[in-house]
Amino acid sequence: MREEFRADLLEVGRLLVSMAEAVRTAMSAATTALLSADKEGAERVIARDEEVNALFRAVEEKVLRLLAQQAPVASDLRMVITSLHIGTDLERMGDLAEHVAKSALRRHPAVAVPAELTSVFGQMANVADRIAGKITLVLASRDIERAAELERDDDAMDELEKALFSKLLDPSWSHGVESAVDTALLARFYERYADHAVNAGRHVIYLVTGES
């Protein structure tokens, strides 16, 4: 029974790593579609979000089965419940990548991002990719030192969001209110994507140390 429990936990871990890899790919592809008005690319991101959702459902099913059949306690219970929290954060990251892709579609055939903001969004995308890559490694290795680094990476995303908002609020902004609102929402998608990765990292630290 104990060996079966451990095998199921390993499978949950593999599913979470697959989710992390998928949401990293999704945000990268969504950004490419956003900055190049790539309709087909955006549609592929939206269609493939179901793959992330399916992985999350598999995590949920495994966790519920473990709770029902194994009745874990103490550190085992912490491991099971924490896995579900991590899966929730990763699923939300996939949703946010989908939101970016949908933003690209709404403006198609025009590019959704004004030219003077392309660089900022490119930097936000780079930070998002670095964070997503790091949480993938953290989930695979349970490296809590690397998990702690996610907080600093998130600070970089926050600074980029501030820089973007300063451009939106500058009197020289010439693209109107609708474009400003759309751009602010896009920035929020990237910022929240990073926040969910940080949350997942915190859950890993709790999983390993038992300290929140």
Protein backbone atom coordinates (compact mmCIF):
# COMPACT_ATOMS: atom_id res chain seq x y z
CA MET A 1 0.00 0.00 0.00
CA ARG A 2 2.84 2.39 0.90
CA GLU A 3 4.62 1.72 -2.39
CA GLU A 4 1.42 2.43 -4.29
CA PHE A 5 1.03 5.71 -2.40
CA ARG A 6 4.56 6.79 -3.29
CA ALA A 7 4.07 5.80 -6.91
CA ASP A 8 0.90 7.89 -7.09
CA LEU A 9 2.69 10.88 -5.56
CA LEU A 10 5.46 10.55 -8.12
CA GLU A 11 2.85 10.55 -10.86
CA VAL A 12 1.29 13.72 -9.45
CA GLY A 13 4.73 15.30 -9.48
CA ARG A 14 5.25 14.35 -13.11
CA LEU A 15 1.87 15.81 -14.03
CA LEU A 16 2.75 19.10 -12.33
CA VAL A 17 6.04 19.32 -14.21
CA SER A 18 4.17 18.68 -17.47
CA MET A 19 1.74 21.46 -16.57
CA ALA A 20 4.60 23.87 -15.86
CA GLU A 21 6.23 23.07 -19.18
CA ALA A 22 2.93 23.53 -20.99
CA VAL A 23 2.12 26.93 -19.46
CA ARG A 24 5.64 28.14 -20.22
CA THR A 25 5.21 27.18 -23.86
CA ALA A 26 1.75 28.74 -23.92
CA MET A 27 2.86 32.16 -22.70
CA SER A 28 5.83 32.21 -25.05
CA ALA A 29 3.59 31.39 -28.02
CA ALA A 30 0.93 33.86 -26.87
CA THR A 31 3.50 36.65 -26.71
CA THR A 32 4.74 35.87 -30.21
CA ALA A 33 1.16 36.02 -31.46
CA LEU A 34 0.53 39.24 -29.55
CA LEU A 35 3.54 41.12 -30.90
CA SER A 36 3.19 39.90 -34.49
CA ALA A 37 -0.62 39.81 -34.89
CA ASP A 38 -0.36 36.07 -35.61
CA LYS A 39 -3.98 34.92 -35.73
CA GLU A 40 -3.21 31.25 -36.24
CA GLY A 41 -0.64 31.26 -33.46
CA ALA A 42 -3.11 32.84 -31.05
CA GLU A 43 -5.77 30.31 -31.97
CA ARG A 44 -3.34 27.45 -31.30
CA VAL A 45 -2.62 28.78 -27.81
CA ILE A 46 -6.34 29.00 -27.06
CA ALA A 47 -7.01 25.51 -28.38
CA ARG A 48 -4.14 23.96 -26.42
CA ASP A 49 -5.30 25.42 -23.10
CA GLU A 50 -7.51 22.35 -22.86
CA GLU A 51 -4.34 20.24 -22.58
CA VAL A 52 -3.37 22.16 -19.43
CA ASN A 53 -6.90 21.78 -18.08
CA ALA A 54 -6.79 18.04 -18.76
CA LEU A 55 -3.51 17.73 -16.85
CA PHE A 56 -5.02 19.62 -13.94
CA ARG A 57 -8.05 17.35 -13.92
CA ALA A 58 -5.68 14.39 -13.78
CA VAL A 59 -3.94 15.95 -10.77
CA GLU A 60 -7.28 16.54 -9.07
CA GLU A 61 -8.39 12.96 -9.67
CA LYS A 62 -5.12 11.56 -8.32
CA VAL A 63 -5.27 13.77 -5.23
CA LEU A 64 -8.89 12.90 -4.48
CA ARG A 65 -8.15 9.20 -4.91
CA LEU A 66 -5.19 9.43 -2.55
CA LEU A 67 -7.28 11.22 0.05
CA ALA A 68 -10.09 8.70 -0.22
CA GLN A 69 -8.06 5.50 -0.39
CA GLN A 70 -4.92 6.29 1.61
CA ALA A 71 -6.21 8.76 4.24
CA PRO A 72 -2.77 10.40 4.50
CA VAL A 73 -1.74 12.28 7.65
CA ALA A 74 1.06 14.64 8.71
CA SER A 75 3.72 15.19 6.03
CA ASP A 76 1.97 12.90 3.56
CA LEU A 77 -1.22 14.92 3.83
CA ARG A 78 0.78 18.13 3.38
CA MET A 79 2.30 16.72 0.23
CA VAL A 80 -1.05 15.75 -1.25
CA ILE A 81 -2.84 19.00 -0.48
CA THR A 82 0.11 21.16 -1.54
CA SER A 83 0.20 19.40 -4.90
CA LEU A 84 -3.38 20.45 -5.50
CA HIS A 85 -2.57 24.08 -4.65
CA ILE A 86 0.37 24.04 -7.05
CA GLY A 87 -1.80 22.59 -9.79
CA THR A 88 -4.33 25.36 -9.26
CA ASP A 89 -1.65 28.03 -9.70
CA LEU A 90 -0.32 26.37 -12.85
CA GLU A 91 -3.81 26.04 -14.32
CA ARG A 92 -4.34 29.75 -13.74
CA MET A 93 -1.04 30.52 -15.49
CA GLY A 94 -2.36 28.65 -18.51
CA ASP A 95 -5.55 30.72 -18.41
CA LEU A 96 -3.53 33.94 -18.36
CA ALA A 97 -1.53 32.86 -21.41
CA GLU A 98 -4.87 32.19 -23.09
CA HIS A 99 -6.03 35.71 -22.16
CA VAL A 100 -2.95 37.15 -23.88
CA ALA A 101 -3.72 35.12 -27.01
CA LYS A 102 -7.34 36.31 -26.98
CA SER A 103 -6.13 39.91 -26.73
CA ALA A 104 -4.09 39.33 -29.87
CA LEU A 105 -7.18 38.03 -31.67
CA ARG A 106 -9.38 40.94 -30.61
CA ARG A 107 -7.10 43.42 -32.36
CA HIS A 108 -6.28 41.29 -35.40
CA PRO A 109 -5.24 42.17 -38.09
CA ALA A 110 -3.69 45.07 -36.18
CA VAL A 111 -0.94 44.46 -33.63
CA ALA A 112 -2.54 44.74 -30.20
CA VAL A 113 0.43 46.52 -28.63
CA PRO A 114 1.45 50.05 -29.68
CA ALA A 115 4.90 50.09 -31.22
CA GLU A 116 6.49 52.12 -28.41
CA LEU A 117 5.46 49.44 -25.89
CA THR A 118 6.73 46.44 -27.82
CA SER A 119 10.04 46.51 -25.98
CA VAL A 120 8.40 46.58 -22.54
CA PHE A 121 6.14 43.66 -23.36
CA GLY A 122 9.09 41.78 -24.79
CA GLN A 123 10.91 42.25 -21.49
CA MET A 124 7.83 41.18 -19.53
CA ALA A 125 7.63 38.07 -21.68
CA ASN A 126 11.31 37.31 -21.02
CA VAL A 127 10.77 37.59 -17.27
CA ALA A 128 7.65 35.40 -17.51
CA ASP A 129 9.61 32.78 -19.42
CA ARG A 130 12.46 32.84 -16.91
CA ILE A 131 10.00 32.45 -14.03
CA ALA A 132 8.11 29.64 -15.74
CA GLY A 133 11.35 27.84 -16.54
CA LYS A 134 12.46 28.18 -12.94
CA ILE A 135 9.24 26.84 -11.44
CA THR A 136 9.50 23.87 -13.79
CA LEU A 137 12.97 23.10 -12.42
CA VAL A 138 11.79 23.70 -8.85
CA LEU A 139 8.95 21.22 -9.25
CA ALA A 140 11.28 18.63 -10.74
CA SER A 141 14.03 19.05 -8.12
CA ARG A 142 12.28 20.62 -5.09
CA ASP A 143 15.16 23.07 -4.93
CA ILE A 144 13.94 25.53 -2.29
CA GLU A 145 16.81 27.96 -2.85
CA ARG A 146 15.78 28.34 -6.47
CA ALA A 147 12.15 28.57 -5.39
CA ALA A 148 13.06 31.51 -3.14
CA GLU A 149 14.62 33.27 -6.15
CA LEU A 150 11.17 33.57 -7.72
CA GLU A 151 10.36 36.47 -5.40
CA ARG A 152 13.20 38.52 -6.91
CA ASP A 153 12.17 37.57 -10.41
CA ASP A 154 8.66 38.77 -9.61
CA ASP A 155 10.09 42.11 -8.47
CA ALA A 156 11.50 42.55 -11.97
CA MET A 157 8.03 41.96 -13.44
CA ASP A 158 6.51 44.50 -11.04
CA GLU A 159 9.07 47.12 -12.09
CA LEU A 160 8.26 46.55 -15.75
CA GLU A 161 4.56 46.94 -15.05
CA LYS A 162 5.26 50.25 -13.30
CA ALA A 163 7.31 51.43 -16.27
CA LEU A 164 4.49 50.53 -18.62
CA PHE A 165 1.89 52.36 -16.54
CA SER A 166 4.07 55.46 -16.50
CA LYS A 167 3.95 55.45 -20.30
CA LEU A 168 0.17 55.00 -20.29
CA LEU A 169 -0.28 57.95 -17.93
CA ASP A 170 2.15 60.23 -19.74
CA PRO A 171 0.46 63.25 -21.37
CA SER A 172 2.10 62.29 -24.65
CA TRP A 173 0.07 59.05 -24.86
CA SER A 174 -1.68 59.28 -28.22
CA HIS A 175 -3.55 55.98 -28.59
CA GLY A 176 -6.71 56.79 -26.68
CA VAL A 177 -8.47 55.35 -23.65
CA GLU A 178 -9.48 52.01 -25.19
CA SER A 179 -5.93 51.16 -26.13
CA ALA A 180 -4.70 52.24 -22.70
CA VAL A 181 -7.23 49.94 -20.99
CA ASP A 182 -6.34 47.01 -23.26
CA THR A 183 -2.65 47.54 -22.63
CA ALA A 184 -3.13 47.80 -18.87
CA LEU A 185 -5.06 44.52 -18.87
CA LEU A 186 -2.32 42.82 -20.86
CA ALA A 187 0.28 43.99 -18.37
CA ARG A 188 -1.90 42.61 -15.61
CA PHE A 189 -1.99 39.21 -17.30
CA TYR A 190 1.82 39.00 -17.28
CA GLU A 191 2.03 40.28 -13.70
CA ARG A 192 -0.51 37.75 -12.44
CA TYR A 193 1.22 34.96 -14.39
CA ALA A 194 4.39 35.72 -12.44
CA ASP A 195 2.47 35.94 -9.15
CA HIS A 196 1.02 32.47 -9.61
CA ALA A 197 4.48 31.06 -10.30
CA VAL A 198 5.71 32.67 -7.09
CA ASN A 199 2.77 31.12 -5.23
CA ALA A 200 3.68 27.72 -6.63
CA GLY A 201 7.26 28.25 -5.47
CA ARG A 202 6.06 29.10 -1.97
CA HIS A 203 4.03 25.91 -1.93
CA VAL A 204 7.15 23.93 -2.83
CA ILE A 205 9.06 25.55 0.03
CA TYR A 206 6.22 24.63 2.38
CA LEU A 207 6.17 21.12 1.01
CA VAL A 208 9.86 20.63 1.69
CA THR A 209 10.23 22.52 4.99
CA GLY A 210 6.75 22.43 6.51
CA GLU A 211 7.07 26.19 7.05
CA SER A 212 4.82 28.70 5.29
